[in-house]
Amino acid sequence: MELKPSGSLKIDTFSMRIGDIEDVELDRLHALSLSVGWPHRAEDWQFVRESGQGLVALDEIGRVLGSAMWFAHGTDFATVGMVITSPRLQTLGAGQWLMKRVFDKVVGRDLRLNATRAARRLYLSLDFQPEKTVYQCQGIVRAQTTVGQENTRGEVRSLVENDIPAVIALDAAGFGVRRAALIEKLFAHSAGYGLFKGDKLNAFALCRPFGRGHVVGPVVAESDADAVAIVRPHVADHAGSFLRIDTHMDNGEFAAFLSHSGMPVFDTVLTMSLGKHLSDFGIDGAVAPVTYALASQTFG
């Protein structure tokens, strides 16, 4: 009896090799993030690629099956992001294989990343420790009334190039690490508002194109009221459009403002650290600036 061949053939094993993310076309990186449902445009990939370094996993015919990037700040610290593996490889150890090669590139640095639920088991296996939940808040925003502005301590105005040094210093105080090159690059691609008391910058918020619309971040302030004051004009600027903000804040005036503005919690990720913990980067003493919103889940 003649046997008909099967319509499919399952391949159990194949080889992967490491490549430099700089050598891969943007459309292939974009296809990788689309395969896992991430909102990044090709332009967003270009921005992160210009801001850090990274590796890709390639199969025998050059298809991109995974990526991982790191963003160094100084000699002792880096954030890790854009860690993606093709869905068919997520249970086959490809993520750990990529991460161990990242470790070879960041020896001696404290590391921080934001883990999706699907990736948490991977990072726990690599000794990353859970820190705080990040709330991804997004939606079509609506401008809020001026209620609450009486609590604003200072003048809110648009940021200009001369404000960059003050923005870098305030970000370093809130984030715990100076990241001048990244802030300068974000500033060049963003609109920004700052809260000033006289000539002193006390809070700021940047907003740039990303994904389905725009993302607000980083946001650094000393209080909920100040954080609301500098995010409010971004909401007004984008009323009727898609806006996103990633924050550790799950209650209080700032979280309520986001929800009332049309940005409810859409998803969560988990900030994790390897080496120093978040608390180790804090400032002791008087009221200190707080990072109310991340630059992004990739940058932290």
C-alpha atoms as a PDB file:
ATOM      1  CA  MET A   1       0.000   0.000   0.000  1.00  0.00           C
ATOM      2  CA  GLU A   2       1.345   3.413  -0.960  1.00  0.00           C
ATOM      3  CA  LEU A   3       1.864   5.735   2.005  1.00  0.00           C
ATOM      4  CA  LYS A   4       1.169   9.418   1.516  1.00  0.00           C
ATOM      5  CA  PRO A   5       3.768  11.772   2.975  1.00  0.00           C
ATOM      6  CA  SER A   6       2.735  13.894   5.932  1.00  0.00           C
ATOM      7  CA  GLY A   7       1.831  17.499   5.221  1.00  0.00           C
ATOM      8  CA  SER A   8       4.234  18.741   7.881  1.00  0.00           C
ATOM      9  CA  LEU A   9       7.546  17.815   9.413  1.00  0.00           C
ATOM     10  CA  LYS A  10       8.482  18.656  12.993  1.00  0.00           C
ATOM     11  CA  ILE A  11      12.088  19.742  13.492  1.00  0.00           C
ATOM     12  CA  ASP A  12      13.213  19.155  17.055  1.00  0.00           C
ATOM     13  CA  THR A  13      16.629  20.791  16.997  1.00  0.00           C
ATOM     14  CA  PHE A  14      18.421  23.507  15.100  1.00  0.00           C
ATOM     15  CA  SER A  15      21.398  25.751  15.705  1.00  0.00           C
ATOM     16  CA  MET A  16      21.444  29.416  16.672  1.00  0.00           C
ATOM     17  CA  ARG A  17      24.293  31.892  16.575  1.00  0.00           C
ATOM     18  CA  ILE A  18      24.868  35.297  18.166  1.00  0.00           C
ATOM     19  CA  GLY A  19      24.973  38.488  16.125  1.00  0.00           C
ATOM     20  CA  ASP A  20      25.294  42.196  16.844  1.00  0.00           C
ATOM     21  CA  ILE A  21      21.962  44.006  16.924  1.00  0.00           C
ATOM     22  CA  GLU A  22      23.514  46.827  14.885  1.00  0.00           C
ATOM     23  CA  ASP A  23      23.889  44.486  11.910  1.00  0.00           C
ATOM     24  CA  VAL A  24      20.181  43.586  11.683  1.00  0.00           C
ATOM     25  CA  GLU A  25      17.671  45.477   9.546  1.00  0.00           C
ATOM     26  CA  LEU A  26      15.003  47.381  11.488  1.00  0.00           C
ATOM     27  CA  ASP A  27      12.131  45.581   9.762  1.00  0.00           C
ATOM     28  CA  ARG A  28      13.428  42.235  11.045  1.00  0.00           C
ATOM     29  CA  LEU A  29      13.654  43.559  14.621  1.00  0.00           C
ATOM     30  CA  HIS A  30      10.193  45.050  14.261  1.00  0.00           C
ATOM     31  CA  ALA A  31       8.848  41.680  13.115  1.00  0.00           C
ATOM     32  CA  LEU A  32      10.355  40.053  16.221  1.00  0.00           C
ATOM     33  CA  SER A  33       8.613  42.431  18.633  1.00  0.00           C
ATOM     34  CA  LEU A  34       5.347  42.110  16.715  1.00  0.00           C
ATOM     35  CA  SER A  35       5.552  38.325  17.146  1.00  0.00           C
ATOM     36  CA  VAL A  36       5.220  38.742  20.939  1.00  0.00           C
ATOM     37  CA  GLY A  37       2.647  41.551  20.798  1.00  0.00           C
ATOM     38  CA  TRP A  38       4.929  44.451  21.761  1.00  0.00           C
ATOM     39  CA  PRO A  39       3.873  47.887  20.447  1.00  0.00           C
ATOM     40  CA  HIS A  40       7.304  49.098  19.292  1.00  0.00           C
ATOM     41  CA  ARG A  41       7.481  50.738  15.881  1.00  0.00           C
ATOM     42  CA  ALA A  42      10.586  50.511  13.703  1.00  0.00           C
ATOM     43  CA  GLU A  43      11.356  54.076  14.860  1.00  0.00           C
ATOM     44  CA  ASP A  44      11.242  52.934  18.498  1.00  0.00           C
ATOM     45  CA  TRP A  45      13.666  50.145  17.719  1.00  0.00           C
ATOM     46  CA  GLN A  46      16.003  52.648  16.109  1.00  0.00           C
ATOM     47  CA  PHE A  47      15.854  54.864  19.203  1.00  0.00           C
ATOM     48  CA  VAL A  48      16.719  52.064  21.631  1.00  0.00           C
ATOM     49  CA  ARG A  49      19.411  50.733  19.332  1.00  0.00           C
ATOM     50  CA  GLU A  50      21.058  54.167  19.240  1.00  0.00           C
ATOM     51  CA  SER A  51      20.829  54.345  23.046  1.00  0.00           C
ATOM     52  CA  GLY A  52      22.455  51.057  23.997  1.00  0.00           C
ATOM     53  CA  GLN A  53      24.082  47.851  22.843  1.00  0.00           C
ATOM     54  CA  GLY A  54      22.579  44.484  22.071  1.00  0.00           C
ATOM     55  CA  LEU A  55      22.716  40.977  20.719  1.00  0.00           C
ATOM     56  CA  VAL A  56      20.437  38.931  18.500  1.00  0.00           C
ATOM     57  CA  ALA A  57      19.949  35.188  18.119  1.00  0.00           C
ATOM     58  CA  LEU A  58      19.967  34.078  14.482  1.00  0.00           C
ATOM     59  CA  ASP A  59      19.162  30.715  12.936  1.00  0.00           C
ATOM     60  CA  GLU A  60      21.086  29.018  10.137  1.00  0.00           C
ATOM     61  CA  ILE A  61      19.476  31.163   7.437  1.00  0.00           C
ATOM     62  CA  GLY A  62      19.741  34.457   9.313  1.00  0.00           C
ATOM     63  CA  ARG A  63      16.235  34.773  10.752  1.00  0.00           C
ATOM     64  CA  VAL A  64      16.059  36.818  13.963  1.00  0.00           C
ATOM     65  CA  LEU A  65      14.759  34.579  16.755  1.00  0.00           C
ATOM     66  CA  GLY A  66      15.688  36.634  19.807  1.00  0.00           C
ATOM     67  CA  SER A  67      17.172  39.863  21.116  1.00  0.00           C
ATOM     68  CA  ALA A  68      18.621  41.332  24.308  1.00  0.00           C
ATOM     69  CA  MET A  69      19.990  44.814  25.007  1.00  0.00           C
ATOM     70  CA  TRP A  70      21.775  46.658  27.796  1.00  0.00           C
ATOM     71  CA  PHE A  71      22.092  50.363  28.548  1.00  0.00           C
ATOM     72  CA  ALA A  72      25.169  51.283  30.561  1.00  0.00           C
ATOM     73  CA  HIS A  73      25.295  54.325  32.847  1.00  0.00           C
ATOM     74  CA  GLY A  74      28.745  54.905  34.256  1.00  0.00           C
ATOM     75  CA  THR A  75      31.016  51.957  34.991  1.00  0.00           C
ATOM     76  CA  ASP A  76      28.950  50.224  37.654  1.00  0.00           C
ATOM     77  CA  PHE A  77      25.326  50.107  36.489  1.00  0.00           C
ATOM     78  CA  ALA A  78      23.196  49.103  33.505  1.00  0.00           C
ATOM     79  CA  THR A  79      19.599  48.422  32.696  1.00  0.00           C
ATOM     80  CA  VAL A  80      18.611  45.424  30.564  1.00  0.00           C
ATOM     81  CA  GLY A  81      15.752  45.472  28.100  1.00  0.00           C
ATOM     82  CA  MET A  82      14.321  44.397  24.751  1.00  0.00           C
ATOM     83  CA  VAL A  83      14.791  40.767  25.799  1.00  0.00           C
ATOM     84  CA  ILE A  84      12.603  38.925  23.299  1.00  0.00           C
ATOM     85  CA  THR A  85      12.565  35.340  22.119  1.00  0.00           C
ATOM     86  CA  SER A  86      10.448  33.960  19.329  1.00  0.00           C
ATOM     87  CA  PRO A  87       7.336  32.263  20.803  1.00  0.00           C
ATOM     88  CA  ARG A  88       8.439  28.836  19.586  1.00  0.00           C
ATOM     89  CA  LEU A  89      11.735  29.164  21.486  1.00  0.00           C
ATOM     90  CA  GLN A  90      10.492  30.532  24.796  1.00  0.00           C
ATOM     91  CA  THR A  91      10.466  27.115  26.462  1.00  0.00           C
ATOM     92  CA  LEU A  92      13.733  25.912  24.910  1.00  0.00           C
ATOM     93  CA  GLY A  93      16.232  27.986  26.888  1.00  0.00           C
ATOM     94  CA  ALA A  94      16.883  30.657  24.270  1.00  0.00           C
ATOM     95  CA  GLY A  95      16.219  33.506  26.708  1.00  0.00           C
ATOM     96  CA  GLN A  96      18.716  32.189  29.243  1.00  0.00           C
ATOM     97  CA  TRP A  97      21.256  31.587  26.482  1.00  0.00           C
ATOM     98  CA  LEU A  98      20.966  35.223  25.379  1.00  0.00           C
ATOM     99  CA  MET A  99      21.030  36.613  28.912  1.00  0.00           C
ATOM    100  CA  LYS A 100      24.205  34.738  29.803  1.00  0.00           C
ATOM    101  CA  ARG A 101      25.890  36.369  26.827  1.00  0.00           C
ATOM    102  CA  VAL A 102      24.667  39.748  28.030  1.00  0.00           C
ATOM    103  CA  PHE A 103      26.241  38.962  31.424  1.00  0.00           C
ATOM    104  CA  ASP A 104      29.574  38.524  29.632  1.00  0.00           C
ATOM    105  CA  LYS A 105      29.263  42.110  28.393  1.00  0.00           C
ATOM    106  CA  VAL A 106      28.235  43.735  31.701  1.00  0.00           C
ATOM    107  CA  VAL A 107      30.606  42.051  34.165  1.00  0.00           C
ATOM    108  CA  GLY A 108      30.885  43.969  37.423  1.00  0.00           C
ATOM    109  CA  ARG A 109      27.746  46.079  36.940  1.00  0.00           C
ATOM    110  CA  ASP A 110      24.611  46.214  39.054  1.00  0.00           C
ATOM    111  CA  LEU A 111      21.655  45.409  36.790  1.00  0.00           C
ATOM    112  CA  ARG A 112      17.997  46.420  36.712  1.00  0.00           C
ATOM    113  CA  LEU A 113      15.206  45.344  34.377  1.00  0.00           C
ATOM    114  CA  ASN A 114      11.429  45.197  34.093  1.00  0.00           C
ATOM    115  CA  ALA A 115      10.123  41.677  33.641  1.00  0.00           C
ATOM    116  CA  THR A 116       6.908  40.621  31.955  1.00  0.00           C
ATOM    117  CA  ARG A 117       4.982  37.822  33.628  1.00  0.00           C
ATOM    118  CA  ALA A 118       6.202  35.420  30.940  1.00  0.00           C
ATOM    119  CA  ALA A 119       9.852  36.268  31.681  1.00  0.00           C
ATOM    120  CA  ARG A 120       9.859  36.333  35.494  1.00  0.00           C
ATOM    121  CA  ARG A 121      10.788  32.673  35.868  1.00  0.00           C
ATOM    122  CA  LEU A 122      13.785  33.246  33.577  1.00  0.00           C
ATOM    123  CA  TYR A 123      15.074  36.197  35.608  1.00  0.00           C
ATOM    124  CA  LEU A 124      14.522  34.449  38.925  1.00  0.00           C
ATOM    125  CA  SER A 125      16.623  31.559  37.618  1.00  0.00           C
ATOM    126  CA  LEU A 126      19.381  34.102  36.926  1.00  0.00           C
ATOM    127  CA  ASP A 127      19.202  35.425  40.534  1.00  0.00           C
ATOM    128  CA  PHE A 128      17.389  38.693  39.820  1.00  0.00           C
ATOM    129  CA  GLN A 129      15.391  39.804  42.858  1.00  0.00           C
ATOM    130  CA  PRO A 130      11.838  41.227  42.718  1.00  0.00           C
ATOM    131  CA  GLU A 131      11.544  44.907  43.660  1.00  0.00           C
ATOM    132  CA  LYS A 132       8.378  46.806  42.690  1.00  0.00           C
ATOM    133  CA  THR A 133       5.411  46.401  40.378  1.00  0.00           C
ATOM    134  CA  VAL A 134       5.250  48.732  37.387  1.00  0.00           C
ATOM    135  CA  TYR A 135       1.747  49.742  36.336  1.00  0.00           C
ATOM    136  CA  GLN A 136       1.384  50.285  32.597  1.00  0.00           C
ATOM    137  CA  CYS A 137      -1.331  52.945  32.376  1.00  0.00           C
ATOM    138  CA  GLN A 138      -2.663  53.892  28.969  1.00  0.00           C
ATOM    139  CA  GLY A 139      -5.642  54.955  26.930  1.00  0.00           C
ATOM    140  CA  ILE A 140      -7.290  57.755  24.987  1.00  0.00           C
ATOM    141  CA  VAL A 141      -6.830  60.705  27.300  1.00  0.00           C
ATOM    142  CA  ARG A 142      -9.088  63.603  28.164  1.00  0.00           C
ATOM    143  CA  ALA A 143      -7.993  66.936  29.584  1.00  0.00           C
ATOM    144  CA  GLN A 144      -8.722  67.458  33.256  1.00  0.00           C
ATOM    145  CA  THR A 145     -10.082  70.559  34.933  1.00  0.00           C
ATOM    146  CA  THR A 146      -7.810  72.863  36.893  1.00  0.00           C
ATOM    147  CA  VAL A 147      -9.014  71.407  40.204  1.00  0.00           C
ATOM    148  CA  GLY A 148      -5.978  70.679  42.375  1.00  0.00           C
ATOM    149  CA  GLN A 149      -3.697  73.225  40.741  1.00  0.00           C
ATOM    150  CA  GLU A 150      -3.937  75.366  43.849  1.00  0.00           C
ATOM    151  CA  ASN A 151      -1.576  72.808  45.475  1.00  0.00           C
ATOM    152  CA  THR A 152       1.108  73.378  42.840  1.00  0.00           C
ATOM    153  CA  ARG A 153       4.231  74.823  44.414  1.00  0.00           C
ATOM    154  CA  GLY A 154       5.733  76.959  41.683  1.00  0.00           C
ATOM    155  CA  GLU A 155       5.429  77.780  37.992  1.00  0.00           C
ATOM    156  CA  VAL A 156       4.927  75.135  35.301  1.00  0.00           C
ATOM    157  CA  ARG A 157       6.522  75.984  31.962  1.00  0.00           C
ATOM    158  CA  SER A 158       7.930  74.288  28.879  1.00  0.00           C
ATOM    159  CA  LEU A 159      11.489  73.045  29.170  1.00  0.00           C
ATOM    160  CA  VAL A 160      14.171  74.465  26.895  1.00  0.00           C
ATOM    161  CA  GLU A 161      17.684  73.351  26.008  1.00  0.00           C
ATOM    162  CA  ASN A 162      19.234  75.410  28.810  1.00  0.00           C
ATOM    163  CA  ASP A 163      17.265  73.285  31.302  1.00  0.00           C
ATOM    164  CA  ILE A 164      19.008  70.031  30.315  1.00  0.00           C
ATOM    165  CA  PRO A 165      21.688  70.102  33.074  1.00  0.00           C
ATOM    166  CA  ALA A 166      19.006  70.608  35.740  1.00  0.00           C
ATOM    167  CA  VAL A 167      16.893  67.796  34.234  1.00  0.00           C
ATOM    168  CA  ILE A 168      19.900  65.442  34.260  1.00  0.00           C
ATOM    169  CA  ALA A 169      20.651  66.279  37.911  1.00  0.00           C
ATOM    170  CA  LEU A 170      17.024  65.831  39.009  1.00  0.00           C
ATOM    171  CA  ASP A 171      16.718  62.542  37.114  1.00  0.00           C
ATOM    172  CA  ALA A 172      19.892  61.269  38.787  1.00  0.00           C
ATOM    173  CA  ALA A 173      18.485  62.143  42.213  1.00  0.00           C
ATOM    174  CA  GLY A 174      15.226  60.283  41.476  1.00  0.00           C
ATOM    175  CA  PHE A 175      16.640  57.311  39.568  1.00  0.00           C
ATOM    176  CA  GLY A 176      19.742  56.892  41.729  1.00  0.00           C
ATOM    177  CA  VAL A 177      22.205  56.823  38.831  1.00  0.00           C
ATOM    178  CA  ARG A 178      23.374  59.625  36.575  1.00  0.00           C
ATOM    179  CA  ARG A 179      22.352  58.881  32.974  1.00  0.00           C
ATOM    180  CA  ALA A 180      23.271  62.079  31.170  1.00  0.00           C
ATOM    181  CA  ALA A 181      23.584  60.635  27.636  1.00  0.00           C
ATOM    182  CA  LEU A 182      20.160  58.984  27.783  1.00  0.00           C
ATOM    183  CA  ILE A 183      18.435  62.076  29.179  1.00  0.00           C
ATOM    184  CA  GLU A 184      20.008  64.268  26.498  1.00  0.00           C
ATOM    185  CA  LYS A 185      18.788  61.864  23.818  1.00  0.00           C
ATOM    186  CA  LEU A 186      15.296  61.664  25.310  1.00  0.00           C
ATOM    187  CA  PHE A 187      15.186  65.458  25.598  1.00  0.00           C
ATOM    188  CA  ALA A 188      15.983  65.828  21.891  1.00  0.00           C
ATOM    189  CA  HIS A 189      12.998  63.609  20.972  1.00  0.00           C
ATOM    190  CA  SER A 190      10.539  64.907  23.588  1.00  0.00           C
ATOM    191  CA  ALA A 191       8.369  67.796  24.656  1.00  0.00           C
ATOM    192  CA  GLY A 192       8.938  68.644  28.305  1.00  0.00           C
ATOM    193  CA  TYR A 193       7.376  70.552  31.171  1.00  0.00           C
ATOM    194  CA  GLY A 194       9.090  71.581  34.376  1.00  0.00           C
ATOM    195  CA  LEU A 195       7.955  72.917  37.729  1.00  0.00           C
ATOM    196  CA  PHE A 196      10.143  75.814  38.846  1.00  0.00           C
ATOM    197  CA  LYS A 197      10.474  77.679  42.106  1.00  0.00           C
ATOM    198  CA  GLY A 198      12.308  80.763  41.015  1.00  0.00           C
ATOM    199  CA  ASP A 199      15.179  79.471  38.912  1.00  0.00           C
ATOM    200  CA  LYS A 200      15.263  76.020  40.531  1.00  0.00           C
ATOM    201  CA  LEU A 201      13.779  72.996  38.729  1.00  0.00           C
ATOM    202  CA  ASN A 202      11.783  70.894  41.218  1.00  0.00           C
ATOM    203  CA  ALA A 203       9.982  68.474  38.893  1.00  0.00           C
ATOM    204  CA  PHE A 204       9.883  67.551  35.215  1.00  0.00           C
ATOM    205  CA  ALA A 205       8.055  65.311  32.744  1.00  0.00           C
ATOM    206  CA  LEU A 206       9.101  64.420  29.199  1.00  0.00           C
ATOM    207  CA  CYS A 207       6.785  63.062  26.488  1.00  0.00           C
ATOM    208  CA  ARG A 208       7.759  61.504  23.146  1.00  0.00           C
ATOM    209  CA  PRO A 209       6.235  59.460  20.300  1.00  0.00           C
ATOM    210  CA  PHE A 210       6.101  55.742  21.025  1.00  0.00           C
ATOM    211  CA  GLY A 211       4.034  52.751  19.956  1.00  0.00           C
ATOM    212  CA  ARG A 212       0.373  53.582  19.383  1.00  0.00           C
ATOM    213  CA  GLY A 213       0.790  57.246  20.314  1.00  0.00           C
ATOM    214  CA  HIS A 214       2.996  58.946  22.908  1.00  0.00           C
ATOM    215  CA  VAL A 215       4.593  57.924  26.205  1.00  0.00           C
ATOM    216  CA  VAL A 216       5.180  60.226  29.179  1.00  0.00           C
ATOM    217  CA  GLY A 217       8.425  59.610  31.037  1.00  0.00           C
ATOM    218  CA  PRO A 218      10.573  60.012  32.876  1.00  0.00           C
ATOM    219  CA  VAL A 219       8.613  61.988  35.446  1.00  0.00           C
ATOM    220  CA  VAL A 220      10.517  63.108  38.545  1.00  0.00           C
ATOM    221  CA  ALA A 221       8.934  65.096  41.390  1.00  0.00           C
ATOM    222  CA  GLU A 222       8.936  65.473  45.165  1.00  0.00           C
ATOM    223  CA  SER A 223       5.186  64.983  45.668  1.00  0.00           C
ATOM    224  CA  ASP A 224       2.029  63.687  43.986  1.00  0.00           C
ATOM    225  CA  ALA A 225       0.766  67.230  43.513  1.00  0.00           C
ATOM    226  CA  ASP A 226       3.972  68.271  41.738  1.00  0.00           C
ATOM    227  CA  ALA A 227       3.912  65.141  39.542  1.00  0.00           C
ATOM    228  CA  VAL A 228       0.310  65.831  38.547  1.00  0.00           C
ATOM    229  CA  ALA A 229       1.168  69.465  37.775  1.00  0.00           C
ATOM    230  CA  ILE A 230       3.813  68.523  35.186  1.00  0.00           C
ATOM    231  CA  VAL A 231       1.912  65.623  33.590  1.00  0.00           C
ATOM    232  CA  ARG A 232      -1.360  67.569  33.295  1.00  0.00           C
ATOM    233  CA  PRO A 233      -0.164  69.727  30.351  1.00  0.00           C
ATOM    234  CA  HIS A 234       0.957  66.624  28.440  1.00  0.00           C
ATOM    235  CA  VAL A 235      -2.533  65.182  28.885  1.00  0.00           C
ATOM    236  CA  ALA A 236      -4.014  68.439  27.608  1.00  0.00           C
ATOM    237  CA  ASP A 237      -1.639  68.449  24.618  1.00  0.00           C
ATOM    238  CA  HIS A 238      -2.746  64.936  23.623  1.00  0.00           C
ATOM    239  CA  ALA A 239      -6.444  65.042  24.557  1.00  0.00           C
ATOM    240  CA  GLY A 240      -8.337  62.631  22.329  1.00  0.00           C
ATOM    241  CA  SER A 241      -5.169  60.678  21.521  1.00  0.00           C
ATOM    242  CA  PHE A 242      -3.401  57.610  22.911  1.00  0.00           C
ATOM    243  CA  LEU A 243      -1.071  58.242  25.833  1.00  0.00           C
ATOM    244  CA  ARG A 244       0.890  55.848  28.020  1.00  0.00           C
ATOM    245  CA  ILE A 245       2.775  56.149  31.293  1.00  0.00           C
ATOM    246  CA  ASP A 246       4.654  53.455  33.271  1.00  0.00           C
ATOM    247  CA  THR A 247       4.675  54.063  37.015  1.00  0.00           C
ATOM    248  CA  HIS A 248       5.377  52.346  40.335  1.00  0.00           C
ATOM    249  CA  MET A 249       2.538  54.360  41.918  1.00  0.00           C
ATOM    250  CA  ASP A 250      -0.615  52.330  42.568  1.00  0.00           C
ATOM    251  CA  ASN A 251      -2.501  54.747  44.843  1.00  0.00           C
ATOM    252  CA  GLY A 252      -2.633  58.371  45.871  1.00  0.00           C
ATOM    253  CA  GLU A 253      -3.312  61.556  43.962  1.00  0.00           C
ATOM    254  CA  PHE A 254      -0.998  60.775  41.040  1.00  0.00           C
ATOM    255  CA  ALA A 255      -2.452  57.317  40.353  1.00  0.00           C
ATOM    256  CA  ALA A 256      -5.993  58.705  40.629  1.00  0.00           C
ATOM    257  CA  PHE A 257      -5.145  61.499  38.190  1.00  0.00           C
ATOM    258  CA  LEU A 258      -3.925  58.995  35.590  1.00  0.00           C
ATOM    259  CA  SER A 259      -7.109  56.944  35.850  1.00  0.00           C
ATOM    260  CA  HIS A 260      -9.381  59.981  35.708  1.00  0.00           C
ATOM    261  CA  SER A 261      -7.468  61.249  32.671  1.00  0.00           C
ATOM    262  CA  GLY A 262      -8.262  58.084  30.702  1.00  0.00           C
ATOM    263  CA  MET A 263      -5.161  56.044  31.509  1.00  0.00           C
ATOM    264  CA  PRO A 264      -6.290  53.095  33.644  1.00  0.00           C
ATOM    265  CA  VAL A 265      -3.938  50.221  34.400  1.00  0.00           C
ATOM    266  CA  PHE A 266      -3.612  48.056  31.284  1.00  0.00           C
ATOM    267  CA  ASP A 267      -0.894  45.628  32.391  1.00  0.00           C
ATOM    268  CA  THR A 268       1.906  45.190  34.920  1.00  0.00           C
ATOM    269  CA  VAL A 269       5.566  44.224  34.854  1.00  0.00           C
ATOM    270  CA  LEU A 270       7.963  43.683  37.726  1.00  0.00           C
ATOM    271  CA  THR A 271      11.118  45.706  38.381  1.00  0.00           C
ATOM    272  CA  MET A 272      13.919  43.282  39.316  1.00  0.00           C
ATOM    273  CA  SER A 273      17.540  43.839  40.337  1.00  0.00           C
ATOM    274  CA  LEU A 274      20.776  41.886  40.293  1.00  0.00           C
ATOM    275  CA  GLY A 275      23.345  43.352  42.670  1.00  0.00           C
ATOM    276  CA  LYS A 276      22.235  46.500  44.479  1.00  0.00           C
ATOM    277  CA  HIS A 277      18.555  46.824  45.340  1.00  0.00           C
ATOM    278  CA  LEU A 278      16.407  49.853  44.513  1.00  0.00           C
ATOM    279  CA  SER A 279      16.636  51.009  48.125  1.00  0.00           C
ATOM    280  CA  ASP A 280      20.435  51.084  47.893  1.00  0.00           C
ATOM    281  CA  PHE A 281      20.181  53.922  45.374  1.00  0.00           C
ATOM    282  CA  GLY A 282      17.996  56.121  47.600  1.00  0.00           C
ATOM    283  CA  ILE A 283      18.952  59.453  49.114  1.00  0.00           C
ATOM    284  CA  ASP A 284      18.913  59.787  52.888  1.00  0.00           C
ATOM    285  CA  GLY A 285      17.715  62.882  54.677  1.00  0.00           C
ATOM    286  CA  ALA A 286      15.180  65.525  53.608  1.00  0.00           C
ATOM    287  CA  VAL A 287      12.480  65.209  50.978  1.00  0.00           C
ATOM    288  CA  ALA A 288      14.049  63.601  47.915  1.00  0.00           C
ATOM    289  CA  PRO A 289      12.890  63.536  44.296  1.00  0.00           C
ATOM    290  CA  VAL A 290      10.995  60.406  43.278  1.00  0.00           C
ATOM    291  CA  THR A 291      10.757  58.806  39.833  1.00  0.00           C
ATOM    292  CA  TYR A 292       6.986  58.874  39.313  1.00  0.00           C
ATOM    293  CA  ALA A 293       7.188  57.456  35.797  1.00  0.00           C
ATOM    294  CA  LEU A 294       9.844  55.424  34.029  1.00  0.00           C
ATOM    295  CA  ALA A 295      11.508  56.627  30.850  1.00  0.00           C
ATOM    296  CA  SER A 296      10.176  53.306  29.523  1.00  0.00           C
ATOM    297  CA  GLN A 297      10.057  49.686  30.597  1.00  0.00           C
ATOM    298  CA  THR A 298      13.257  49.179  28.582  1.00  0.00           C
ATOM    299  CA  PHE A 299      15.216  52.107  30.016  1.00  0.00           C
ATOM    300  CA  GLY A 300      13.780  52.077  33.545  1.00  0.00           C
END
